[in-house]
Amino acid sequence: MNRKPFSTLDYTFPHNFIAIEGNIGAGKTTLCKMLERDFGSRLILEQFTDNPFLPPFYENPERYAFPVELFFMTERHKQLQEAFSTPDLFHTFTVSDYYFIKTLLFAKNNLNQEEYRLFSRLFHTLNASFPKPDLLVYLHRSIEDIQKNIHHRGREMEQEIKTEYLKSVQDGYFDYFKNEVEIPILILDIEGLSFWKDADLYQSICDEIGQIYSKGVHRKSILAKV
């Protein structure tokens, strides 16, 4: 296990707002916390555990899909509105473990057609005032790797998440990426990697995030050093 000290002296991120995305258990929040710790960024973390409909949703998704998604949307909107309503004079950039578009992607996956139509109208009204990220980073792992991470972190309400659901979440993101042309999207393949335990892996991720990308999709693989 590599635990050599990580130096931030040579890093200057050319982005004002970085959104980290990925499937459940991909490592989004962990990476955001590490960036905040090492670079002093403003940190926005989704408060998913506050959603009272989430545990019953995992057991009965059809019944609880609409309230769980509506709660997430309103809470994310409130959080982002508070974060971006006033200038931040104390941080050079902002990092978030979600992008508001996640709200619509999960809703499309979970709601029936009529529910989604109503939800979509509400979403686009709320989304109009938020800035787009300068870089959207997607942490990609296979479903099997995702399931291992979910098992190891031991959140009881996540243990019954079905393989089909994780696959549908992944497919939803990649369908969105095909049509998003307004922002740069960096897909980082981190299969089997515990970057929070290995400074070299973490540094490789920072190297990729620190680049300037054109709008559209870019894909890079993070490889463990031998």
Protein backbone atom coordinates (compact mmCIF):
# COMPACT_ATOMS: atom_id res chain seq x y z
CA MET A 1 0.00 0.00 0.00
CA ASN A 2 1.49 3.33 -1.07
CA ARG A 3 1.09 6.09 1.50
CA LYS A 4 3.77 8.55 0.44
CA PRO A 5 2.98 12.22 1.18
CA PHE A 6 0.94 14.00 -1.48
CA SER A 7 2.14 17.46 -2.44
CA THR A 8 -0.27 20.05 -3.85
CA LEU A 9 2.40 22.61 -4.64
CA ASP A 10 2.49 21.84 -8.35
CA TYR A 11 -1.29 21.77 -8.82
CA THR A 12 -3.50 24.58 -9.98
CA PHE A 13 -6.90 23.44 -11.18
CA PRO A 14 -8.11 25.54 -14.14
CA HIS A 15 -11.77 25.03 -13.19
CA ASN A 16 -14.07 27.07 -10.99
CA PHE A 17 -16.66 24.33 -10.54
CA ILE A 18 -15.93 20.60 -10.73
CA ALA A 19 -18.77 18.08 -10.36
CA ILE A 20 -17.84 14.49 -9.55
CA GLU A 21 -20.36 11.88 -10.68
CA GLY A 22 -20.61 8.09 -10.83
CA ASN A 23 -22.74 5.15 -9.88
CA ILE A 24 -23.63 4.31 -6.29
CA GLY A 25 -20.43 3.37 -4.48
CA ALA A 26 -18.03 4.64 -7.16
CA GLY A 27 -16.07 6.85 -4.75
CA LYS A 28 -17.54 10.29 -5.54
CA THR A 29 -17.77 11.63 -2.01
CA THR A 30 -14.40 10.21 -1.01
CA LEU A 31 -12.67 11.95 -3.91
CA CYS A 32 -14.44 15.24 -3.20
CA LYS A 33 -13.38 15.17 0.44
CA MET A 34 -9.79 14.47 -0.58
CA LEU A 35 -9.80 17.41 -3.00
CA GLU A 36 -11.25 19.68 -0.32
CA ARG A 37 -8.66 18.46 2.18
CA ASP A 38 -5.66 18.91 -0.12
CA PHE A 39 -6.65 21.95 -2.18
CA GLY A 40 -8.95 23.89 0.12
CA SER A 41 -11.88 23.86 -2.29
CA ARG A 42 -15.42 24.72 -1.32
CA LEU A 43 -17.15 21.38 -0.79
CA ILE A 44 -20.76 20.53 -1.66
CA LEU A 45 -21.86 17.07 -0.55
CA GLU A 46 -25.24 15.51 -1.16
CA GLN A 47 -27.10 14.76 2.07
CA PHE A 48 -28.69 11.55 0.83
CA THR A 49 -29.08 10.00 4.28
CA ASP A 50 -31.60 12.73 5.18
CA ASN A 51 -34.09 11.37 2.64
CA PRO A 52 -36.73 9.52 4.72
CA PHE A 53 -38.07 7.75 1.61
CA LEU A 54 -34.76 6.17 0.60
CA PRO A 55 -34.79 3.00 2.77
CA PRO A 56 -38.36 2.02 1.76
CA PHE A 57 -37.54 2.92 -1.87
CA TYR A 58 -34.81 0.30 -2.02
CA GLU A 59 -37.34 -2.28 -0.81
CA ASN A 60 -40.31 -1.12 -2.91
CA PRO A 61 -39.09 1.21 -5.70
CA GLU A 62 -42.37 1.44 -7.60
CA ARG A 63 -44.29 2.72 -4.59
CA TYR A 64 -41.71 5.18 -3.29
CA ALA A 65 -40.03 6.39 -6.49
CA PHE A 66 -41.85 9.71 -6.83
CA PRO A 67 -41.49 10.92 -3.22
CA VAL A 68 -37.84 9.83 -3.05
CA GLU A 69 -36.98 11.71 -6.26
CA LEU A 70 -39.01 14.79 -5.32
CA PHE A 71 -37.29 14.98 -1.94
CA PHE A 72 -33.85 14.66 -3.56
CA MET A 73 -34.65 17.37 -6.09
CA THR A 74 -35.87 19.91 -3.56
CA GLU A 75 -32.97 19.25 -1.19
CA ARG A 76 -30.37 19.49 -3.96
CA HIS A 77 -31.96 22.68 -5.24
CA LYS A 78 -31.92 24.24 -1.78
CA GLN A 79 -28.31 23.25 -1.21
CA LEU A 80 -27.03 24.50 -4.57
CA GLN A 81 -29.04 27.70 -4.35
CA GLU A 82 -27.46 28.48 -0.99
CA ALA A 83 -23.98 27.62 -2.28
CA PHE A 84 -24.08 29.67 -5.48
CA SER A 85 -26.24 32.61 -4.40
CA THR A 86 -23.30 34.59 -3.03
CA PRO A 87 -19.68 34.88 -4.22
CA ASP A 88 -17.14 32.76 -2.36
CA LEU A 89 -14.08 34.83 -1.48
CA PHE A 90 -12.28 32.13 0.49
CA HIS A 91 -11.98 29.24 -2.00
CA THR A 92 -10.40 29.12 -5.44
CA PHE A 93 -12.85 26.54 -6.78
CA THR A 94 -15.89 24.46 -5.85
CA VAL A 95 -16.16 20.68 -5.94
CA SER A 96 -19.45 18.79 -5.60
CA ASP A 97 -20.19 15.07 -5.39
CA TYR A 98 -23.17 15.51 -7.72
CA TYR A 99 -24.37 17.56 -10.68
CA PHE A 100 -28.01 18.70 -10.58
CA ILE A 101 -28.72 16.82 -13.84
CA LYS A 102 -28.40 13.67 -11.72
CA THR A 103 -31.86 14.52 -10.43
CA LEU A 104 -33.39 14.08 -13.87
CA LEU A 105 -31.34 10.97 -14.77
CA PHE A 106 -32.44 9.07 -11.67
CA ALA A 107 -36.03 10.25 -12.07
CA LYS A 108 -36.13 9.02 -15.66
CA ASN A 109 -34.86 5.66 -14.47
CA ASN A 110 -37.30 5.35 -11.56
CA LEU A 111 -40.56 7.07 -12.52
CA ASN A 112 -43.36 6.02 -14.82
CA GLN A 113 -44.09 8.09 -17.91
CA GLU A 114 -46.69 10.41 -16.40
CA GLU A 115 -44.71 10.98 -13.22
CA TYR A 116 -41.56 11.71 -15.22
CA ARG A 117 -43.34 14.22 -17.44
CA LEU A 118 -44.45 16.24 -14.41
CA PHE A 119 -41.10 15.82 -12.68
CA SER A 120 -39.21 16.99 -15.78
CA ARG A 121 -41.18 20.23 -15.93
CA LEU A 122 -40.36 20.98 -12.30
CA PHE A 123 -36.71 20.09 -12.82
CA HIS A 124 -36.17 22.43 -15.78
CA THR A 125 -37.75 25.32 -13.87
CA LEU A 126 -35.43 24.78 -10.91
CA ASN A 127 -32.34 24.07 -12.98
CA ALA A 128 -32.43 27.33 -14.93
CA SER A 129 -30.56 29.35 -12.30
CA PHE A 130 -27.61 27.02 -11.65
CA PRO A 131 -24.17 27.30 -13.28
CA LYS A 132 -22.92 24.42 -15.37
CA PRO A 133 -19.72 22.75 -14.13
CA ASP A 134 -16.49 23.66 -15.89
CA LEU A 135 -15.70 19.94 -15.76
CA LEU A 136 -17.92 16.94 -15.07
CA VAL A 137 -15.87 13.95 -13.88
CA TYR A 138 -17.50 10.53 -14.02
CA LEU A 139 -15.85 7.76 -11.98
CA HIS A 140 -16.49 4.56 -13.91
CA ARG A 141 -16.38 1.07 -12.46
CA SER A 142 -17.96 -2.19 -13.55
CA ILE A 143 -21.16 -3.24 -11.79
CA GLU A 144 -19.24 -6.03 -10.06
CA ASP A 145 -16.70 -3.55 -8.71
CA ILE A 146 -19.50 -1.22 -7.61
CA GLN A 147 -21.15 -4.08 -5.71
CA LYS A 148 -17.89 -4.87 -3.92
CA ASN A 149 -17.61 -1.26 -2.77
CA ILE A 150 -21.22 -1.19 -1.62
CA HIS A 151 -20.66 -4.38 0.37
CA HIS A 152 -17.43 -3.13 1.97
CA ARG A 153 -18.81 0.21 3.11
CA GLY A 154 -21.68 -1.61 4.78
CA ARG A 155 -24.61 0.77 4.54
CA GLU A 156 -27.52 -1.45 5.45
CA MET A 157 -30.09 0.19 3.18
CA GLU A 158 -27.81 -0.30 0.13
CA GLN A 159 -27.18 -4.01 0.56
CA GLU A 160 -30.37 -5.02 -1.27
CA ILE A 161 -29.78 -2.86 -4.35
CA LYS A 162 -30.25 -5.11 -7.36
CA THR A 163 -27.72 -5.59 -10.15
CA GLU A 164 -30.35 -4.52 -12.68
CA TYR A 165 -30.85 -1.21 -10.90
CA LEU A 166 -27.12 -0.41 -10.85
CA LYS A 167 -26.91 -1.28 -14.53
CA SER A 168 -29.84 1.00 -15.36
CA VAL A 169 -28.20 3.86 -13.44
CA GLN A 170 -24.98 3.36 -15.39
CA ASP A 171 -26.85 3.22 -18.70
CA GLY A 172 -28.68 6.44 -17.80
CA TYR A 173 -25.44 8.32 -17.34
CA PHE A 174 -23.95 7.10 -20.60
CA ASP A 175 -27.11 7.92 -22.53
CA TYR A 176 -26.87 11.45 -21.14
CA PHE A 177 -23.19 11.73 -22.08
CA LYS A 178 -24.00 10.93 -25.71
CA ASN A 179 -26.19 14.02 -25.96
CA GLU A 180 -24.41 16.52 -23.71
CA VAL A 181 -22.39 18.93 -25.84
CA GLU A 182 -22.32 22.04 -23.63
CA ILE A 183 -19.75 20.96 -21.02
CA PRO A 184 -16.53 18.91 -20.89
CA ILE A 185 -17.09 15.40 -19.52
CA LEU A 186 -14.14 13.33 -18.28
CA ILE A 187 -14.83 9.63 -17.79
CA LEU A 188 -12.16 8.10 -15.57
CA ASP A 189 -11.93 4.31 -15.59
CA ILE A 190 -10.89 3.33 -12.06
CA GLU A 191 -11.82 -0.35 -12.08
CA GLY A 192 -10.68 -2.11 -8.91
CA LEU A 193 -8.72 0.88 -7.64
CA SER A 194 -8.78 2.17 -4.06
CA PHE A 195 -7.35 5.61 -4.82
CA TRP A 196 -7.95 6.72 -1.22
CA LYS A 197 -5.27 4.20 -0.14
CA ASP A 198 -2.71 4.93 -2.85
CA ALA A 199 -1.13 8.36 -3.31
CA ASP A 200 0.08 7.52 -6.82
CA LEU A 201 -3.44 6.67 -7.99
CA TYR A 202 -4.83 9.79 -6.38
CA GLN A 203 -2.13 11.91 -7.99
CA SER A 204 -2.94 10.37 -11.39
CA ILE A 205 -6.60 11.33 -10.93
CA CYS A 206 -5.60 14.89 -9.97
CA ASP A 207 -3.36 15.06 -13.06
CA GLU A 208 -6.31 14.23 -15.29
CA ILE A 209 -8.73 16.57 -13.54
CA GLY A 210 -6.18 19.35 -13.81
CA GLN A 211 -6.23 19.33 -17.61
CA ILE A 212 -8.33 21.60 -19.82
CA TYR A 213 -10.80 19.69 -21.99
CA SER A 214 -12.98 20.74 -24.89
CA LYS A 215 -16.75 20.30 -24.65
CA GLY A 216 -17.91 16.72 -25.09
CA VAL A 217 -16.76 13.35 -23.77
CA HIS A 218 -13.17 12.39 -22.96
CA ARG A 219 -12.20 9.02 -21.50
CA LYS A 220 -9.04 8.12 -19.60
CA SER A 221 -7.93 5.04 -17.69
CA ILE A 222 -6.21 5.33 -14.32
CA LEU A 223 -3.71 2.48 -14.00
CA ALA A 224 -2.04 1.13 -10.89
CA LYS A 225 1.74 1.49 -11.01
CA VAL A 226 3.71 -1.73 -10.88
